[in-house]
Every structure is written in C-alpha cells, then in structure tokens.
C-alpha cells in the first residue's frame, strides 16, 4: 500500500437540511448526512447533520496540497462560508495512511493557517501507520 492522504472541510451543528447549506454556498458537497442516518455498514446512527467538501486531488498528493485544494474550491463563496462557519462547527479533517514508520510530514503554511483562522475552524489530523504483511 502506498501513502494515502485526504482532507475535507466538515460543517456540523446546524439544524436545517444539508441541502440548504448547498443552496447558500452554491457548492456541491462531496457528502452530507442528517441526524438518524446510518454510519456506514454499522448499526450506529448519525447524531448531527453534516455537510462535507473533500479534496479532489490524487491520494498521493501531500497534505498541504489537499487542504489548499479544499480552500480553493470554497473561494467562489468564501464570505458565505465564513458566515456559516461563524454560526456552526467547522473542521478541516485530514487523514493520512502510511506503511512507513517515518511517513508524511505534517506542515501548515501561513496561508493555510490564516484561512483556517478566518473560518473559525479546527484542524483534525488522523495519522495511521499501517504495516504490510509479508
């Protein structure tokens, strides 16, 4: 398995249908869910509504590029995104899967930090070091 990286903006904490967020922003999300939806193939149910916009880059692109891709896709509706993020919970969710014990560097440049601050968002990084079976 090679390095696999992704990043997304996740907006939660709103009571309306996620379609309303889509209408406000004019941006199609990668995925949405509403309270009560099943989580994957489990018997667990979602406890909140969510609107998610994931990076469209290849999984082997570096983390900064994934985050910048998400931020760039939000640019056409930036002020509306900022307003929604000030009312609701927002997070830049990052996931890294690596088979190397010394894998991808995690670095956020000033441009990313400024944008995340403006969005009043949190940054979550999940780093999974996997081992290939021989």
Protein backbone atom coordinates (compact mmCIF):
# COMPACT_ATOMS: atom_id res chain seq x y z
CA UNK A 1 0.00 0.00 0.00
CA UNK A 2 1.26 3.44 -0.85
CA UNK A 3 0.72 6.66 1.06
CA UNK A 4 -2.94 7.77 1.01
CA UNK A 5 -3.90 11.29 2.07
CA UNK A 6 -7.15 13.24 2.10
CA UNK A 7 -8.53 16.47 3.53
CA UNK A 8 -12.02 17.92 3.83
CA UNK A 9 -13.99 20.76 5.34
CA UNK A 10 -16.75 19.38 7.55
CA UNK A 11 -19.56 21.67 8.69
CA UNK A 12 -21.79 20.43 11.54
CA UNK A 13 -24.05 21.80 14.26
CA UNK A 14 -26.85 23.07 12.03
CA UNK A 15 -30.50 22.03 12.25
CA UNK A 16 -31.52 22.54 8.63
CA UNK A 17 -31.28 20.00 5.82
CA UNK A 18 -27.71 19.99 4.38
CA UNK A 19 -29.29 20.90 1.01
CA UNK A 20 -29.92 24.37 2.49
CA UNK A 21 -26.15 24.76 3.06
CA UNK A 22 -25.57 23.70 -0.54
CA UNK A 23 -28.08 26.31 -1.78
CA UNK A 24 -26.48 29.07 0.31
CA UNK A 25 -22.96 28.27 -0.88
CA UNK A 26 -23.70 27.19 -4.45
CA UNK A 27 -21.09 24.45 -3.98
CA UNK A 28 -21.93 20.76 -4.31
CA UNK A 29 -20.66 18.83 -1.29
CA UNK A 30 -18.79 15.55 -1.52
CA UNK A 31 -21.17 14.07 1.02
CA UNK A 32 -23.86 15.02 3.52
CA UNK A 33 -25.83 13.28 6.22
CA UNK A 34 -28.67 14.03 8.58
CA UNK A 35 -29.46 13.02 12.14
CA UNK A 36 -30.51 9.39 12.22
CA UNK A 37 -28.66 8.25 9.08
CA UNK A 38 -26.74 5.01 9.50
CA UNK A 39 -22.95 5.32 9.79
CA UNK A 40 -21.55 3.14 7.02
CA UNK A 41 -22.44 -0.52 7.40
CA UNK A 42 -22.91 -0.31 11.16
CA UNK A 43 -25.99 -0.15 13.34
CA UNK A 44 -24.85 3.27 14.63
CA UNK A 45 -26.77 6.39 13.69
CA UNK A 46 -25.55 9.92 12.99
CA UNK A 47 -26.12 12.31 15.89
CA UNK A 48 -25.89 15.54 13.86
CA UNK A 49 -26.31 16.92 10.36
CA UNK A 50 -23.17 17.45 8.28
CA UNK A 51 -22.00 18.98 5.01
CA UNK A 52 -18.59 17.77 3.75
CA UNK A 53 -16.34 19.03 0.94
CA UNK A 54 -13.35 16.78 0.22
CA UNK A 55 -10.21 17.43 -1.79
CA UNK A 56 -10.28 16.22 -5.38
CA UNK A 57 -6.55 15.55 -5.63
CA UNK A 58 -4.93 12.16 -6.08
CA UNK A 59 -4.44 10.32 -2.76
CA UNK A 60 -0.64 10.54 -3.08
CA UNK A 61 -0.54 14.38 -3.13
CA UNK A 62 0.91 15.98 0.01
CA UNK A 63 -1.34 17.10 2.86
CA UNK A 64 -0.83 20.85 2.27
CA UNK A 65 -1.94 20.45 -1.34
CA UNK A 66 -5.10 18.61 -0.26
CA UNK A 67 -6.01 21.37 2.20
CA UNK A 68 -5.28 24.09 -0.36
CA UNK A 69 -7.49 22.28 -2.87
CA UNK A 70 -10.42 22.33 -0.42
CA UNK A 71 -9.84 26.01 0.40
CA UNK A 72 -9.61 26.91 -3.30
CA UNK A 73 -12.91 25.15 -4.02
CA UNK A 74 -14.53 27.29 -1.30
CA UNK A 75 -13.19 30.58 -2.72
CA UNK A 76 -16.16 31.42 -5.00
CA UNK A 77 -18.40 31.59 -1.91
CA UNK A 78 -15.74 32.47 0.67
CA UNK A 79 -17.72 35.14 2.58
CA UNK A 80 -20.76 32.87 2.81
CA UNK A 81 -18.56 30.02 4.06
CA UNK A 82 -17.04 32.33 6.69
CA UNK A 83 -20.52 33.36 7.84
CA UNK A 84 -21.71 29.75 8.13
CA UNK A 85 -18.53 28.71 9.95
CA UNK A 86 -19.07 31.52 12.47
CA UNK A 87 -22.54 30.11 13.27
CA UNK A 88 -21.80 26.38 13.11
CA UNK A 89 -18.94 23.98 13.87
CA UNK A 90 -16.27 23.65 11.20
CA UNK A 91 -13.26 21.41 10.92
CA UNK A 92 -10.53 20.70 8.43
CA UNK A 93 -10.35 16.91 8.65
CA UNK A 94 -7.11 15.32 7.47
CA UNK A 95 -6.37 11.61 7.13
CA UNK A 96 -3.01 10.02 6.34
CA UNK A 97 -2.45 6.29 5.80
CA UNK A 98 1.20 5.25 5.61
CA UNK A 99 3.15 1.99 5.68
CA UNK A 100 6.30 3.86 6.65
CA UNK A 101 7.02 4.47 10.33
CA UNK A 102 8.53 7.79 9.20
CA UNK A 103 5.85 8.99 6.81
CA UNK A 104 4.39 12.22 5.51
CA UNK A 105 5.39 15.47 7.19
CA UNK A 106 2.56 17.47 8.70
CA UNK A 107 3.04 21.16 7.96
CA UNK A 108 0.59 24.06 7.63
CA UNK A 109 1.91 27.20 5.96
CA UNK A 110 0.78 30.72 6.91
CA UNK A 111 -1.74 30.86 4.06
CA UNK A 112 -3.50 27.73 5.35
CA UNK A 113 -3.43 28.90 8.97
CA UNK A 114 -4.84 32.31 8.02
CA UNK A 115 -7.70 30.69 6.10
CA UNK A 116 -8.47 28.19 8.87
CA UNK A 117 -8.48 31.02 11.41
CA UNK A 118 -10.81 33.08 9.21
CA UNK A 119 -13.15 30.08 9.02
CA UNK A 120 -13.03 29.70 12.80
CA UNK A 121 -12.28 26.04 12.07
CA UNK A 122 -10.45 23.34 13.97
CA UNK A 123 -7.85 21.10 12.35
CA UNK A 124 -8.04 17.35 12.96
CA UNK A 125 -5.27 15.08 11.70
CA UNK A 126 -5.63 11.30 11.88
CA UNK A 127 -2.34 9.54 11.08
CA UNK A 128 -2.46 5.78 10.60
CA UNK A 129 0.80 3.86 10.34
CA UNK A 130 -0.07 0.51 8.77
CA UNK A 131 2.17 -2.47 8.29
CA UNK A 132 2.15 -4.51 5.12
CA UNK A 133 2.02 -8.24 5.66
CA UNK A 134 4.96 -10.09 4.21
